[in-house]
Amino acid sequence: MSQWSIPFFQPSAPLEEQSRTLIILNQPFSVSLFDRLWNSCKWHYCADGGANRLYDLFENPEIEDGATARAL
């Protein structure tokens, strides 16, 4: 069985850009999770409707935690 190291999921972990890739699919996600993953990945791709999710996030100026989507 493989073990995965995913410390960047932890809110207390420092954000370090490494050679990770984020693939956004057509699935709902929390803005806080998205922000953490986006900032910890070097490459960003959309597939299977993921561009629609990303567009919706940036189109909505007010998000659930009160921040602005454009700041992401």
PDB file of N, CA and C in Angstrom:
ATOM      1  N   MET A   1       0.836  -1.160   0.000  1.00  0.00           N
ATOM      2  CA  MET A   1       0.000   0.000   0.000  1.00  0.00           C
ATOM      3  C   MET A   1       0.897   1.245   0.000  1.00  0.00           C
ATOM      4  N   SER A   2       0.547   2.224  -0.819  1.00  0.00           N
ATOM      5  CA  SER A   2       1.297   3.484  -0.890  1.00  0.00           C
ATOM      6  C   SER A   2       0.833   4.441   0.186  1.00  0.00           C
ATOM      7  N   GLN A   3       1.767   5.205   0.704  1.00  0.00           N
ATOM      8  CA  GLN A   3       1.425   6.270   1.634  1.00  0.00           C
ATOM      9  C   GLN A   3       1.729   7.592   0.967  1.00  0.00           C
ATOM     10  N   TRP A   4       0.812   8.544   1.105  1.00  0.00           N
ATOM     11  CA  TRP A   4       0.948   9.847   0.485  1.00  0.00           C
ATOM     12  C   TRP A   4       1.277  10.879   1.549  1.00  0.00           C
ATOM     13  N   SER A   5       2.178  11.746   1.257  1.00  0.00           N
ATOM     14  CA  SER A   5       2.510  12.853   2.140  1.00  0.00           C
ATOM     15  C   SER A   5       1.752  14.090   1.659  1.00  0.00           C
ATOM     16  N   ILE A   6       0.801  14.553   2.462  1.00  0.00           N
ATOM     17  CA  ILE A   6      -0.023  15.695   2.058  1.00  0.00           C
ATOM     18  C   ILE A   6      -0.079  16.758   3.165  1.00  0.00           C
ATOM     19  N   PRO A   7       1.050  17.195   3.669  1.00  0.00           N
ATOM     20  CA  PRO A   7       1.027  18.185   4.740  1.00  0.00           C
ATOM     21  C   PRO A   7       0.444  19.526   4.311  1.00  0.00           C
ATOM     22  N   PHE A   8       0.435  19.827   3.012  1.00  0.00           N
ATOM     23  CA  PHE A   8      -0.098  21.100   2.544  1.00  0.00           C
ATOM     24  C   PHE A   8      -1.609  21.200   2.730  1.00  0.00           C
ATOM     25  N   PHE A   9      -2.285  20.092   3.051  1.00  0.00           N
ATOM     26  CA  PHE A   9      -3.706  20.132   3.366  1.00  0.00           C
ATOM     27  C   PHE A   9      -3.974  20.739   4.747  1.00  0.00           C
ATOM     28  N   GLN A  10      -2.995  20.692   5.609  1.00  0.00           N
ATOM     29  CA  GLN A  10      -3.170  21.187   6.973  1.00  0.00           C
ATOM     30  C   GLN A  10      -3.101  22.715   6.992  1.00  0.00           C
ATOM     31  N   PRO A  11      -4.092  23.389   7.589  1.00  0.00           N
ATOM     32  CA  PRO A  11      -4.093  24.856   7.631  1.00  0.00           C
ATOM     33  C   PRO A  11      -2.856  25.445   8.306  1.00  0.00           C
ATOM     34  N   SER A  12      -2.241  24.722   9.215  1.00  0.00           N
ATOM     35  CA  SER A  12      -1.077  25.253   9.927  1.00  0.00           C
ATOM     36  C   SER A  12       0.230  25.048   9.158  1.00  0.00           C
ATOM     37  N   ALA A  13       0.186  24.282   8.082  1.00  0.00           N
ATOM     38  CA  ALA A  13       1.406  24.007   7.316  1.00  0.00           C
ATOM     39  C   ALA A  13       1.801  25.230   6.502  1.00  0.00           C
ATOM     40  N   PRO A  14       3.087  25.503   6.400  1.00  0.00           N
ATOM     41  CA  PRO A  14       3.528  26.626   5.563  1.00  0.00           C
ATOM     42  C   PRO A  14       3.267  26.322   4.084  1.00  0.00           C
ATOM     43  N   LEU A  15       2.889  27.334   3.340  1.00  0.00           N
ATOM     44  CA  LEU A  15       2.653  27.158   1.916  1.00  0.00           C
ATOM     45  C   LEU A  15       3.986  27.246   1.183  1.00  0.00           C
ATOM     46  N   GLU A  16       4.333  26.177   0.531  1.00  0.00           N
ATOM     47  CA  GLU A  16       5.563  26.125  -0.237  1.00  0.00           C
ATOM     48  C   GLU A  16       5.217  25.690  -1.649  1.00  0.00           C
ATOM     49  N   GLU A  17       5.619  26.491  -2.614  1.00  0.00           N
ATOM     50  CA  GLU A  17       5.357  26.114  -3.992  1.00  0.00           C
ATOM     51  C   GLU A  17       6.358  25.049  -4.414  1.00  0.00           C
ATOM     52  N   GLN A  18       5.852  23.915  -4.806  1.00  0.00           N
ATOM     53  CA  GLN A  18       6.695  22.831  -5.294  1.00  0.00           C
ATOM     54  C   GLN A  18       6.169  22.403  -6.645  1.00  0.00           C
ATOM     55  N   SER A  19       6.692  21.362  -7.169  1.00  0.00           N
ATOM     56  CA  SER A  19       6.269  20.889  -8.486  1.00  0.00           C
ATOM     57  C   SER A  19       5.001  20.051  -8.394  1.00  0.00           C
ATOM     58  N   ARG A  20       4.010  20.568  -7.719  1.00  0.00           N
ATOM     59  CA  ARG A  20       2.716  19.886  -7.652  1.00  0.00           C
ATOM     60  C   ARG A  20       1.827  20.432  -8.755  1.00  0.00           C
ATOM     61  N   THR A  21       0.851  19.624  -9.151  1.00  0.00           N
ATOM     62  CA  THR A  21      -0.105  20.032 -10.162  1.00  0.00           C
ATOM     63  C   THR A  21      -1.509  19.918  -9.593  1.00  0.00           C
ATOM     64  N   LEU A  22      -2.300  20.963  -9.784  1.00  0.00           N
ATOM     65  CA  LEU A  22      -3.698  20.958  -9.368  1.00  0.00           C
ATOM     66  C   LEU A  22      -4.553  20.756 -10.609  1.00  0.00           C
ATOM     67  N   ILE A  23      -5.382  19.738 -10.597  1.00  0.00           N
ATOM     68  CA  ILE A  23      -6.329  19.493 -11.684  1.00  0.00           C
ATOM     69  C   ILE A  23      -7.720  19.733 -11.115  1.00  0.00           C
ATOM     70  N   ILE A  24      -8.383  20.754 -11.620  1.00  0.00           N
ATOM     71  CA  ILE A  24      -9.717  21.130 -11.142  1.00  0.00           C
ATOM     72  C   ILE A  24     -10.746  20.407 -11.998  1.00  0.00           C
ATOM     73  N   LEU A  25     -11.586  19.614 -11.357  1.00  0.00           N
ATOM     74  CA  LEU A  25     -12.641  18.887 -12.047  1.00  0.00           C
ATOM     75  C   LEU A  25     -13.980  19.546 -11.753  1.00  0.00           C
ATOM     76  N   ASN A  26     -15.013  19.049 -12.368  1.00  0.00           N
ATOM     77  CA  ASN A  26     -16.349  19.600 -12.184  1.00  0.00           C
ATOM     78  C   ASN A  26     -16.974  19.042 -10.903  1.00  0.00           C
ATOM     79  N   GLN A  27     -16.374  19.399  -9.775  1.00  0.00           N
ATOM     80  CA  GLN A  27     -16.844  18.975  -8.463  1.00  0.00           C
ATOM     81  C   GLN A  27     -16.836  20.186  -7.536  1.00  0.00           C
ATOM     82  N   PRO A  28     -17.786  20.252  -6.612  1.00  0.00           N
ATOM     83  CA  PRO A  28     -17.777  21.381  -5.667  1.00  0.00           C
ATOM     84  C   PRO A  28     -16.574  21.291  -4.732  1.00  0.00           C
ATOM     85  N   PHE A  29     -16.105  22.442  -4.287  1.00  0.00           N
ATOM     86  CA  PHE A  29     -14.996  22.504  -3.338  1.00  0.00           C
ATOM     87  C   PHE A  29     -15.160  23.747  -2.488  1.00  0.00           C
ATOM     88  N   SER A  30     -14.589  23.724  -1.313  1.00  0.00           N
ATOM     89  CA  SER A  30     -14.638  24.902  -0.456  1.00  0.00           C
ATOM     90  C   SER A  30     -13.587  25.896  -0.922  1.00  0.00           C
ATOM     91  N   VAL A  31     -13.853  27.151  -0.703  1.00  0.00           N
ATOM     92  CA  VAL A  31     -12.926  28.191  -1.125  1.00  0.00           C
ATOM     93  C   VAL A  31     -11.623  28.098  -0.338  1.00  0.00           C
ATOM     94  N   SER A  32     -11.702  27.784   0.937  1.00  0.00           N
ATOM     95  CA  SER A  32     -10.482  27.682   1.738  1.00  0.00           C
ATOM     96  C   SER A  32      -9.597  26.540   1.241  1.00  0.00           C
ATOM     97  N   LEU A  33     -10.194  25.408   0.881  1.00  0.00           N
ATOM     98  CA  LEU A  33      -9.421  24.296   0.324  1.00  0.00           C
ATOM     99  C   LEU A  33      -8.821  24.695  -1.020  1.00  0.00           C
ATOM    100  N   PHE A  34      -9.630  25.317  -1.866  1.00  0.00           N
ATOM    101  CA  PHE A  34      -9.144  25.744  -3.171  1.00  0.00           C
ATOM    102  C   PHE A  34      -7.957  26.706  -3.030  1.00  0.00           C
ATOM    103  N   ASP A  35      -8.080  27.671  -2.149  1.00  0.00           N
ATOM    104  CA  ASP A  35      -7.018  28.652  -1.933  1.00  0.00           C
ATOM    105  C   ASP A  35      -5.723  27.961  -1.514  1.00  0.00           C
ATOM    106  N   ARG A  36      -5.821  27.030  -0.593  1.00  0.00           N
ATOM    107  CA  ARG A  36      -4.641  26.312  -0.095  1.00  0.00           C
ATOM    108  C   ARG A  36      -3.998  25.479  -1.208  1.00  0.00           C
ATOM    109  N   LEU A  37      -4.820  24.756  -1.963  1.00  0.00           N
ATOM    110  CA  LEU A  37      -4.287  23.926  -3.040  1.00  0.00           C
ATOM    111  C   LEU A  37      -3.701  24.773  -4.164  1.00  0.00           C
ATOM    112  N   TRP A  38      -4.404  25.831  -4.541  1.00  0.00           N
ATOM    113  CA  TRP A  38      -3.931  26.704  -5.623  1.00  0.00           C
ATOM    114  C   TRP A  38      -2.553  27.278  -5.281  1.00  0.00           C
ATOM    115  N   ASN A  39      -2.414  27.753  -4.058  1.00  0.00           N
ATOM    116  CA  ASN A  39      -1.153  28.390  -3.655  1.00  0.00           C
ATOM    117  C   ASN A  39      -0.025  27.401  -3.393  1.00  0.00           C
ATOM    118  N   SER A  40      -0.336  26.126  -3.246  1.00  0.00           N
ATOM    119  CA  SER A  40       0.723  25.144  -2.995  1.00  0.00           C
ATOM    120  C   SER A  40       1.126  24.378  -4.257  1.00  0.00           C
ATOM    121  N   CYS A  41       0.527  24.737  -5.400  1.00  0.00           N
ATOM    122  CA  CYS A  41       0.830  24.051  -6.651  1.00  0.00           C
ATOM    123  C   CYS A  41       1.463  24.998  -7.660  1.00  0.00           C
ATOM    124  N   LYS A  42       2.360  24.441  -8.443  1.00  0.00           N
ATOM    125  CA  LYS A  42       3.040  25.225  -9.466  1.00  0.00           C
ATOM    126  C   LYS A  42       2.234  25.256 -10.766  1.00  0.00           C
ATOM    127  N   TRP A  43       1.557  24.177 -11.069  1.00  0.00           N
ATOM    128  CA  TRP A  43       0.798  24.056 -12.314  1.00  0.00           C
ATOM    129  C   TRP A  43      -0.682  23.917 -11.998  1.00  0.00           C
ATOM    130  N   HIS A  44      -1.540  24.524 -12.828  1.00  0.00           N
ATOM    131  CA  HIS A  44      -2.993  24.508 -12.624  1.00  0.00           C
ATOM    132  C   HIS A  44      -3.672  24.142 -13.942  1.00  0.00           C
ATOM    133  N   TYR A  45      -4.518  23.128 -13.894  1.00  0.00           N
ATOM    134  CA  TYR A  45      -5.237  22.677 -15.084  1.00  0.00           C
ATOM    135  C   TYR A  45      -6.700  22.465 -14.749  1.00  0.00           C
ATOM    136  N   CYS A  46      -7.552  22.618 -15.757  1.00  0.00           N
ATOM    137  CA  CYS A  46      -8.987  22.350 -15.611  1.00  0.00           C
ATOM    138  C   CYS A  46      -9.375  21.255 -16.594  1.00  0.00           C
ATOM    139  N   ALA A  47     -10.247  20.365 -16.151  1.00  0.00           N
ATOM    140  CA  ALA A  47     -10.741  19.291 -17.008  1.00  0.00           C
ATOM    141  C   ALA A  47     -12.174  18.960 -16.603  1.00  0.00           C
ATOM    142  N   ASP A  48     -12.940  18.446 -17.554  1.00  0.00           N
ATOM    143  CA  ASP A  48     -14.275  17.932 -17.260  1.00  0.00           C
ATOM    144  C   ASP A  48     -15.155  18.965 -16.558  1.00  0.00           C
ATOM    145  N   GLY A  49     -15.206  20.175 -17.059  1.00  0.00           N
ATOM    146  CA  GLY A  49     -16.051  21.200 -16.456  1.00  0.00           C
ATOM    147  C   GLY A  49     -15.382  21.975 -15.338  1.00  0.00           C
ATOM    148  N   GLY A  50     -14.133  21.669 -15.047  1.00  0.00           N
ATOM    149  CA  GLY A  50     -13.420  22.384 -13.993  1.00  0.00           C
ATOM    150  C   GLY A  50     -13.250  23.859 -14.301  1.00  0.00           C
ATOM    151  N   ALA A  51     -13.142  24.209 -15.576  1.00  0.00           N
ATOM    152  CA  ALA A  51     -13.039  25.617 -15.955  1.00  0.00           C
ATOM    153  C   ALA A  51     -14.314  26.365 -15.580  1.00  0.00           C
ATOM    154  N   ASN A  52     -15.451  25.686 -15.655  1.00  0.00           N
ATOM    155  CA  ASN A  52     -16.715  26.305 -15.244  1.00  0.00           C
ATOM    156  C   ASN A  52     -16.710  26.588 -13.743  1.00  0.00           C
ATOM    157  N   ARG A  53     -16.209  25.650 -12.956  1.00  0.00           N
ATOM    158  CA  ARG A  53     -16.110  25.849 -11.501  1.00  0.00           C
ATOM    159  C   ARG A  53     -15.185  27.023 -11.186  1.00  0.00           C
ATOM    160  N   LEU A  54     -14.058  27.084 -11.865  1.00  0.00           N
ATOM    161  CA  LEU A  54     -13.098  28.156 -11.644  1.00  0.00           C
ATOM    162  C   LEU A  54     -13.694  29.499 -12.064  1.00  0.00           C
ATOM    163  N   TYR A  55     -14.365  29.535 -13.202  1.00  0.00           N
ATOM    164  CA  TYR A  55     -15.014  30.759 -13.674  1.00  0.00           C
ATOM    165  C   TYR A  55     -16.069  31.222 -12.668  1.00  0.00           C
ATOM    166  N   ASP A  56     -16.891  30.302 -12.190  1.00  0.00           N
ATOM    167  CA  ASP A  56     -17.927  30.653 -11.208  1.00  0.00           C
ATOM    168  C   ASP A  56     -17.313  31.231  -9.945  1.00  0.00           C
ATOM    169  N   LEU A  57     -16.190  30.684  -9.517  1.00  0.00           N
ATOM    170  CA  LEU A  57     -15.531  31.179  -8.316  1.00  0.00           C
ATOM    171  C   LEU A  57     -15.066  32.617  -8.511  1.00  0.00           C
ATOM    172  N   PHE A  58     -14.436  32.906  -9.643  1.00  0.00           N
ATOM    173  CA  PHE A  58     -13.927  34.247  -9.886  1.00  0.00           C
ATOM    174  C   PHE A  58     -15.031  35.232 -10.256  1.00  0.00           C
ATOM    175  N   GLU A  59     -16.124  34.738 -10.775  1.00  0.00           N
ATOM    176  CA  GLU A  59     -17.246  35.599 -11.152  1.00  0.00           C
ATOM    177  C   GLU A  59     -18.018  36.086  -9.930  1.00  0.00           C
ATOM    178  N   ASN A  60     -17.992  35.301  -8.860  1.00  0.00           N
ATOM    179  CA  ASN A  60     -18.727  35.636  -7.637  1.00  0.00           C
ATOM    180  C   ASN A  60     -17.809  36.449  -6.726  1.00  0.00           C
ATOM    181  N   PRO A  61     -18.048  37.764  -6.579  1.00  0.00           N
ATOM    182  CA  PRO A  61     -17.122  38.581  -5.783  1.00  0.00           C
ATOM    183  C   PRO A  61     -17.163  38.299  -4.281  1.00  0.00           C
ATOM    184  N   GLU A  62     -18.255  37.790  -3.757  1.00  0.00           N
ATOM    185  CA  GLU A  62     -18.354  37.466  -2.333  1.00  0.00           C
ATOM    186  C   GLU A  62     -18.398  35.955  -2.176  1.00  0.00           C
ATOM    187  N   ILE A  63     -17.480  35.423  -1.403  1.00  0.00           N
ATOM    188  CA  ILE A  63     -17.453  33.983  -1.190  1.00  0.00           C
ATOM    189  C   ILE A  63     -17.730  33.692   0.281  1.00  0.00           C
ATOM    190  N   GLU A  64     -17.854  32.429   0.591  1.00  0.00           N
ATOM    191  CA  GLU A  64     -18.362  31.997   1.893  1.00  0.00           C
ATOM    192  C   GLU A  64     -17.622  32.524   3.097  1.00  0.00           C
ATOM    193  N   ASP A  65     -16.334  32.801   2.985  1.00  0.00           N
ATOM    194  CA  ASP A  65     -15.611  33.250   4.165  1.00  0.00           C
ATOM    195  C   ASP A  65     -15.444  34.776   4.221  1.00  0.00           C
ATOM    196  N   GLY A  66     -16.150  35.496   3.316  1.00  0.00           N
ATOM    197  CA  GLY A  66     -16.144  36.947   3.367  1.00  0.00           C
ATOM    198  C   GLY A  66     -15.025  37.598   2.573  1.00  0.00           C
ATOM    199  N   ALA A  67     -14.092  36.808   2.059  1.00  0.00           N
ATOM    200  CA  ALA A  67     -13.001  37.366   1.253  1.00  0.00           C
ATOM    201  C   ALA A  67     -13.527  37.580  -0.172  1.00  0.00           C
ATOM    202  N   THR A  68     -12.742  38.185  -0.997  1.00  0.00           N
ATOM    203  CA  THR A  68     -13.150  38.344  -2.391  1.00  0.00           C
ATOM    204  C   THR A  68     -12.496  37.271  -3.235  1.00  0.00           C
ATOM    205  N   ALA A  69     -13.225  36.770  -4.206  1.00  0.00           N
ATOM    206  CA  ALA A  69     -12.708  35.719  -5.079  1.00  0.00           C
ATOM    207  C   ALA A  69     -11.522  36.215  -5.887  1.00  0.00           C
ATOM    208  N   ARG A  70     -11.480  37.493  -6.231  1.00  0.00           N
ATOM    209  CA  ARG A  70     -10.392  38.022  -7.050  1.00  0.00           C
ATOM    210  C   ARG A  70      -9.059  37.966  -6.308  1.00  0.00           C
ATOM    211  N   ALA A  71      -9.098  37.926  -4.996  1.00  0.00           N
ATOM    212  CA  ALA A  71      -7.851  37.876  -4.222  1.00  0.00           C
ATOM    213  C   ALA A  71      -7.167  36.522  -4.330  1.00  0.00           C
ATOM    214  N   LEU A  72      -7.897  35.475  -4.765  1.00  0.00           N
ATOM    215  CA  LEU A  72      -7.309  34.153  -4.892  1.00  0.00           C
ATOM    216  C   LEU A  72      -6.366  34.160  -6.057  1.00  0.00           C
TER     217      LEU A  72
END
